[in-house]
Amino acid sequence: MKPRAAFFIFGLTLAIGLWGVHVVARSSSDKSKDEIRALETARNEAIVHGDAASLERMTSDDYTFITLRGELRTKAEIVKGFATGAFRYSSREISDLNIRVYGNAAVVTGLSTQKGTENGKDYSGDYRFTRVYVKENGRWLTVALQTTLILN
């Protein structure tokens, strides 16, 4: 085989191989994005329905949440708030989701419009949020959330 032909075949093989890796990586990322989008929808439903058990399952034990008022809450406080009815939402919609996956971690940004109260305080309004997920033992869990109230 001539060197030029061998070089061409090597280059073509390398290009096909790299394209295949890209396709597999893209498919894996797309699958992860779909899983996280479904989790965001399920979490939103659990919040509206006060489903503390579902929130418990979706949330890491070391979870931190910085509320739109700057309060720091833990997983235990969130679950207890929904279990006791201290946190109540009559409506909550999420939109503008942007999901970025980095291996076994993901960052979601979005918009939430909600009507509800937490510990007697009105938490109604529009806000932007950033949620962080980590994949552990084949499952995505939320590990952190930060919200910012949109002032009109």
C-alpha atoms as a PDB file:
ATOM      1  CA  MET A   1       0.000   0.000   0.000  1.00  0.00           C
ATOM      2  CA  LYS A   2       1.289   3.434  -0.870  1.00  0.00           C
ATOM      3  CA  PRO A   3       1.991   5.794   2.054  1.00  0.00           C
ATOM      4  CA  ARG A   4      -0.531   8.307   0.783  1.00  0.00           C
ATOM      5  CA  ALA A   5      -3.324   5.706   0.645  1.00  0.00           C
ATOM      6  CA  ALA A   6      -2.393   4.359   4.083  1.00  0.00           C
ATOM      7  CA  PHE A   7      -2.442   7.885   5.513  1.00  0.00           C
ATOM      8  CA  PHE A   8      -5.855   8.537   3.918  1.00  0.00           C
ATOM      9  CA  ILE A   9      -7.313   5.290   5.299  1.00  0.00           C
ATOM     10  CA  PHE A  10      -5.855   6.032   8.749  1.00  0.00           C
ATOM     11  CA  GLY A  11      -7.323   9.563   8.685  1.00  0.00           C
ATOM     12  CA  LEU A  12     -10.719   8.302   7.556  1.00  0.00           C
ATOM     13  CA  THR A  13     -10.759   5.602  10.235  1.00  0.00           C
ATOM     14  CA  LEU A  14      -9.801   8.155  12.887  1.00  0.00           C
ATOM     15  CA  ALA A  15     -12.504  10.586  11.738  1.00  0.00           C
ATOM     16  CA  ILE A  16     -15.189   7.877  11.766  1.00  0.00           C
ATOM     17  CA  GLY A  17     -14.058   6.767  15.226  1.00  0.00           C
ATOM     18  CA  LEU A  18     -14.148  10.285  16.626  1.00  0.00           C
ATOM     19  CA  TRP A  19     -17.564  10.901  15.069  1.00  0.00           C
ATOM     20  CA  GLY A  20     -18.803   7.704  16.753  1.00  0.00           C
ATOM     21  CA  VAL A  21     -17.507   8.885  20.134  1.00  0.00           C
ATOM     22  CA  HIS A  22     -19.251  12.222  19.606  1.00  0.00           C
ATOM     23  CA  VAL A  23     -22.544  10.487  18.755  1.00  0.00           C
ATOM     24  CA  VAL A  24     -22.340   8.254  21.855  1.00  0.00           C
ATOM     25  CA  ALA A  25     -21.430  11.196  24.114  1.00  0.00           C
ATOM     26  CA  ARG A  26     -24.234  13.301  22.649  1.00  0.00           C
ATOM     27  CA  SER A  27     -26.755  10.516  23.127  1.00  0.00           C
ATOM     28  CA  SER A  28     -25.667  10.031  26.740  1.00  0.00           C
ATOM     29  CA  SER A  29     -25.926  13.765  27.397  1.00  0.00           C
ATOM     30  CA  ASP A  30     -29.347  13.935  25.737  1.00  0.00           C
ATOM     31  CA  LYS A  31     -30.544  11.001  27.863  1.00  0.00           C
ATOM     32  CA  SER A  32     -29.301  12.719  31.014  1.00  0.00           C
ATOM     33  CA  LYS A  33     -31.023  15.964  30.012  1.00  0.00           C
ATOM     34  CA  ASP A  34     -34.284  14.086  29.456  1.00  0.00           C
ATOM     35  CA  GLU A  35     -33.962  12.398  32.870  1.00  0.00           C
ATOM     36  CA  ILE A  36     -33.313  15.718  34.601  1.00  0.00           C
ATOM     37  CA  ARG A  37     -36.152  17.462  32.760  1.00  0.00           C
ATOM     38  CA  ALA A  38     -38.475  14.672  33.975  1.00  0.00           C
ATOM     39  CA  LEU A  39     -37.136  15.118  37.532  1.00  0.00           C
ATOM     40  CA  GLU A  40     -37.783  18.858  37.383  1.00  0.00           C
ATOM     41  CA  THR A  41     -41.382  18.166  36.319  1.00  0.00           C
ATOM     42  CA  ALA A  42     -41.848  15.499  39.014  1.00  0.00           C
ATOM     43  CA  ARG A  43     -40.316  17.753  41.681  1.00  0.00           C
ATOM     44  CA  ASN A  44     -42.616  20.591  40.670  1.00  0.00           C
ATOM     45  CA  GLU A  45     -45.650  18.278  40.924  1.00  0.00           C
ATOM     46  CA  ALA A  46     -44.483  17.071  44.347  1.00  0.00           C
ATOM     47  CA  ILE A  47     -44.208  20.685  45.545  1.00  0.00           C
ATOM     48  CA  VAL A  48     -47.717  21.585  44.330  1.00  0.00           C
ATOM     49  CA  HIS A  49     -49.211  18.441  45.884  1.00  0.00           C
ATOM     50  CA  GLY A  50     -47.207  18.651  49.124  1.00  0.00           C
ATOM     51  CA  ASP A  51     -45.675  15.209  48.450  1.00  0.00           C
ATOM     52  CA  ALA A  52     -42.937  15.086  51.079  1.00  0.00           C
ATOM     53  CA  ALA A  53     -42.077  11.426  50.348  1.00  0.00           C
ATOM     54  CA  SER A  54     -41.264  12.183  46.702  1.00  0.00           C
ATOM     55  CA  LEU A  55     -39.181  15.205  47.681  1.00  0.00           C
ATOM     56  CA  GLU A  56     -37.322  13.004  50.170  1.00  0.00           C
ATOM     57  CA  ARG A  57     -36.420  10.512  47.406  1.00  0.00           C
ATOM     58  CA  MET A  58     -35.288  13.171  44.886  1.00  0.00           C
ATOM     59  CA  THR A  59     -33.049  15.084  47.279  1.00  0.00           C
ATOM     60  CA  SER A  60     -29.546  14.326  48.584  1.00  0.00           C
ATOM     61  CA  ASP A  61     -29.077  14.160  52.347  1.00  0.00           C
ATOM     62  CA  ASP A  62     -26.630  17.104  52.269  1.00  0.00           C
ATOM     63  CA  TYR A  63     -28.958  19.300  50.167  1.00  0.00           C
ATOM     64  CA  THR A  64     -28.878  23.064  50.637  1.00  0.00           C
ATOM     65  CA  PHE A  65     -31.483  25.543  49.462  1.00  0.00           C
ATOM     66  CA  ILE A  66     -31.018  29.302  49.512  1.00  0.00           C
ATOM     67  CA  THR A  67     -34.502  30.789  49.261  1.00  0.00           C
ATOM     68  CA  LEU A  68     -35.529  33.908  47.393  1.00  0.00           C
ATOM     69  CA  ARG A  69     -35.318  35.700  50.758  1.00  0.00           C
ATOM     70  CA  GLY A  70     -31.774  34.513  51.434  1.00  0.00           C
ATOM     71  CA  GLU A  71     -32.751  31.876  54.001  1.00  0.00           C
ATOM     72  CA  LEU A  72     -30.677  28.680  54.113  1.00  0.00           C
ATOM     73  CA  ARG A  73     -32.677  25.443  54.356  1.00  0.00           C
ATOM     74  CA  THR A  74     -31.695  21.793  54.582  1.00  0.00           C
ATOM     75  CA  LYS A  75     -33.348  18.689  53.183  1.00  0.00           C
ATOM     76  CA  ALA A  76     -34.848  17.889  56.588  1.00  0.00           C
ATOM     77  CA  GLU A  77     -36.431  21.356  56.818  1.00  0.00           C
ATOM     78  CA  ILE A  78     -37.878  21.118  53.297  1.00  0.00           C
ATOM     79  CA  VAL A  79     -39.342  17.649  53.797  1.00  0.00           C
ATOM     80  CA  LYS A  80     -40.755  18.570  57.221  1.00  0.00           C
ATOM     81  CA  GLY A  81     -42.294  21.767  55.815  1.00  0.00           C
ATOM     82  CA  PHE A  82     -44.233  19.835  53.181  1.00  0.00           C
ATOM     83  CA  ALA A  83     -45.069  16.920  55.496  1.00  0.00           C
ATOM     84  CA  THR A  84     -46.600  19.228  58.126  1.00  0.00           C
ATOM     85  CA  GLY A  85     -48.331  21.519  55.637  1.00  0.00           C
ATOM     86  CA  ALA A  86     -46.239  24.527  56.685  1.00  0.00           C
ATOM     87  CA  PHE A  87     -45.248  24.823  52.995  1.00  0.00           C
ATOM     88  CA  ARG A  88     -48.253  25.081  50.654  1.00  0.00           C
ATOM     89  CA  TYR A  89     -48.441  25.946  46.978  1.00  0.00           C
ATOM     90  CA  SER A  90     -51.697  26.365  45.087  1.00  0.00           C
ATOM     91  CA  SER A  91     -49.860  26.693  41.776  1.00  0.00           C
ATOM     92  CA  ARG A  92     -46.321  26.544  40.469  1.00  0.00           C
ATOM     93  CA  GLU A  93     -45.107  26.478  36.891  1.00  0.00           C
ATOM     94  CA  ILE A  94     -41.550  26.072  35.663  1.00  0.00           C
ATOM     95  CA  SER A  95     -40.263  27.198  32.264  1.00  0.00           C
ATOM     96  CA  ASP A  96     -37.158  28.342  30.379  1.00  0.00           C
ATOM     97  CA  LEU A  97     -35.225  25.280  31.545  1.00  0.00           C
ATOM     98  CA  ASN A  98     -31.594  25.187  30.453  1.00  0.00           C
ATOM     99  CA  ILE A  99     -29.941  21.888  31.403  1.00  0.00           C
ATOM    100  CA  ARG A 100     -26.173  21.476  31.173  1.00  0.00           C
ATOM    101  CA  VAL A 101     -24.621  18.093  31.932  1.00  0.00           C
ATOM    102  CA  TYR A 102     -21.003  17.679  33.037  1.00  0.00           C
ATOM    103  CA  GLY A 103     -20.397  13.953  33.465  1.00  0.00           C
ATOM    104  CA  ASN A 104     -22.097  12.980  36.737  1.00  0.00           C
ATOM    105  CA  ALA A 105     -23.128  16.546  37.535  1.00  0.00           C
ATOM    106  CA  ALA A 106     -25.698  18.850  35.989  1.00  0.00           C
ATOM    107  CA  VAL A 107     -26.774  22.464  36.366  1.00  0.00           C
ATOM    108  CA  VAL A 108     -30.325  23.577  35.613  1.00  0.00           C
ATOM    109  CA  THR A 109     -31.439  27.165  35.315  1.00  0.00           C
ATOM    110  CA  GLY A 110     -35.037  28.182  34.825  1.00  0.00           C
ATOM    111  CA  LEU A 111     -37.986  30.372  35.658  1.00  0.00           C
ATOM    112  CA  SER A 112     -40.691  29.567  38.192  1.00  0.00           C
ATOM    113  CA  THR A 113     -44.018  31.294  38.680  1.00  0.00           C
ATOM    114  CA  GLN A 114     -45.747  30.273  41.895  1.00  0.00           C
ATOM    115  CA  LYS A 115     -48.456  31.047  44.421  1.00  0.00           C
ATOM    116  CA  GLY A 116     -47.928  29.780  47.925  1.00  0.00           C
ATOM    117  CA  THR A 117     -46.721  30.226  51.459  1.00  0.00           C
ATOM    118  CA  GLU A 118     -43.936  28.840  53.596  1.00  0.00           C
ATOM    119  CA  ASN A 119     -44.110  29.165  57.370  1.00  0.00           C
ATOM    120  CA  GLY A 120     -46.787  31.827  56.994  1.00  0.00           C
ATOM    121  CA  LYS A 121     -44.727  33.956  54.581  1.00  0.00           C
ATOM    122  CA  ASP A 122     -45.978  34.644  51.069  1.00  0.00           C
ATOM    123  CA  TYR A 123     -43.649  33.023  48.542  1.00  0.00           C
ATOM    124  CA  SER A 124     -45.736  33.951  45.500  1.00  0.00           C
ATOM    125  CA  GLY A 125     -44.106  35.515  42.472  1.00  0.00           C
ATOM    126  CA  ASP A 126     -41.714  34.927  39.629  1.00  0.00           C
ATOM    127  CA  TYR A 127     -38.153  33.880  40.253  1.00  0.00           C
ATOM    128  CA  ARG A 128     -35.081  32.532  38.512  1.00  0.00           C
ATOM    129  CA  PHE A 129     -33.459  29.447  39.917  1.00  0.00           C
ATOM    130  CA  THR A 130     -30.284  27.428  39.638  1.00  0.00           C
ATOM    131  CA  ARG A 131     -30.443  23.771  40.716  1.00  0.00           C
ATOM    132  CA  VAL A 132     -27.479  21.386  40.864  1.00  0.00           C
ATOM    133  CA  TYR A 133     -27.785  17.620  40.399  1.00  0.00           C
ATOM    134  CA  VAL A 134     -25.279  14.828  40.992  1.00  0.00           C
ATOM    135  CA  LYS A 135     -25.652  11.291  39.686  1.00  0.00           C
ATOM    136  CA  GLU A 136     -25.001   8.751  42.457  1.00  0.00           C
ATOM    137  CA  ASN A 137     -25.467   5.002  42.073  1.00  0.00           C
ATOM    138  CA  GLY A 138     -27.194   5.540  38.727  1.00  0.00           C
ATOM    139  CA  ARG A 139     -29.701   8.101  40.119  1.00  0.00           C
ATOM    140  CA  TRP A 140     -29.831  11.864  39.735  1.00  0.00           C
ATOM    141  CA  LEU A 141     -30.305  13.692  43.057  1.00  0.00           C
ATOM    142  CA  THR A 142     -30.613  17.410  43.607  1.00  0.00           C
ATOM    143  CA  VAL A 143     -27.852  18.693  45.889  1.00  0.00           C
ATOM    144  CA  ALA A 144     -28.364  22.466  45.826  1.00  0.00           C
ATOM    145  CA  LEU A 145     -30.828  25.169  44.838  1.00  0.00           C
ATOM    146  CA  GLN A 146     -30.535  28.962  44.702  1.00  0.00           C
ATOM    147  CA  THR A 147     -33.499  31.211  43.877  1.00  0.00           C
ATOM    148  CA  THR A 148     -33.742  34.907  43.082  1.00  0.00           C
ATOM    149  CA  LEU A 149     -36.984  36.872  43.132  1.00  0.00           C
ATOM    150  CA  ILE A 150     -37.687  38.834  39.954  1.00  0.00           C
ATOM    151  CA  LEU A 151     -38.682  42.361  40.932  1.00  0.00           C
ATOM    152  CA  ASN A 152     -41.098  44.011  38.519  1.00  0.00           C
END
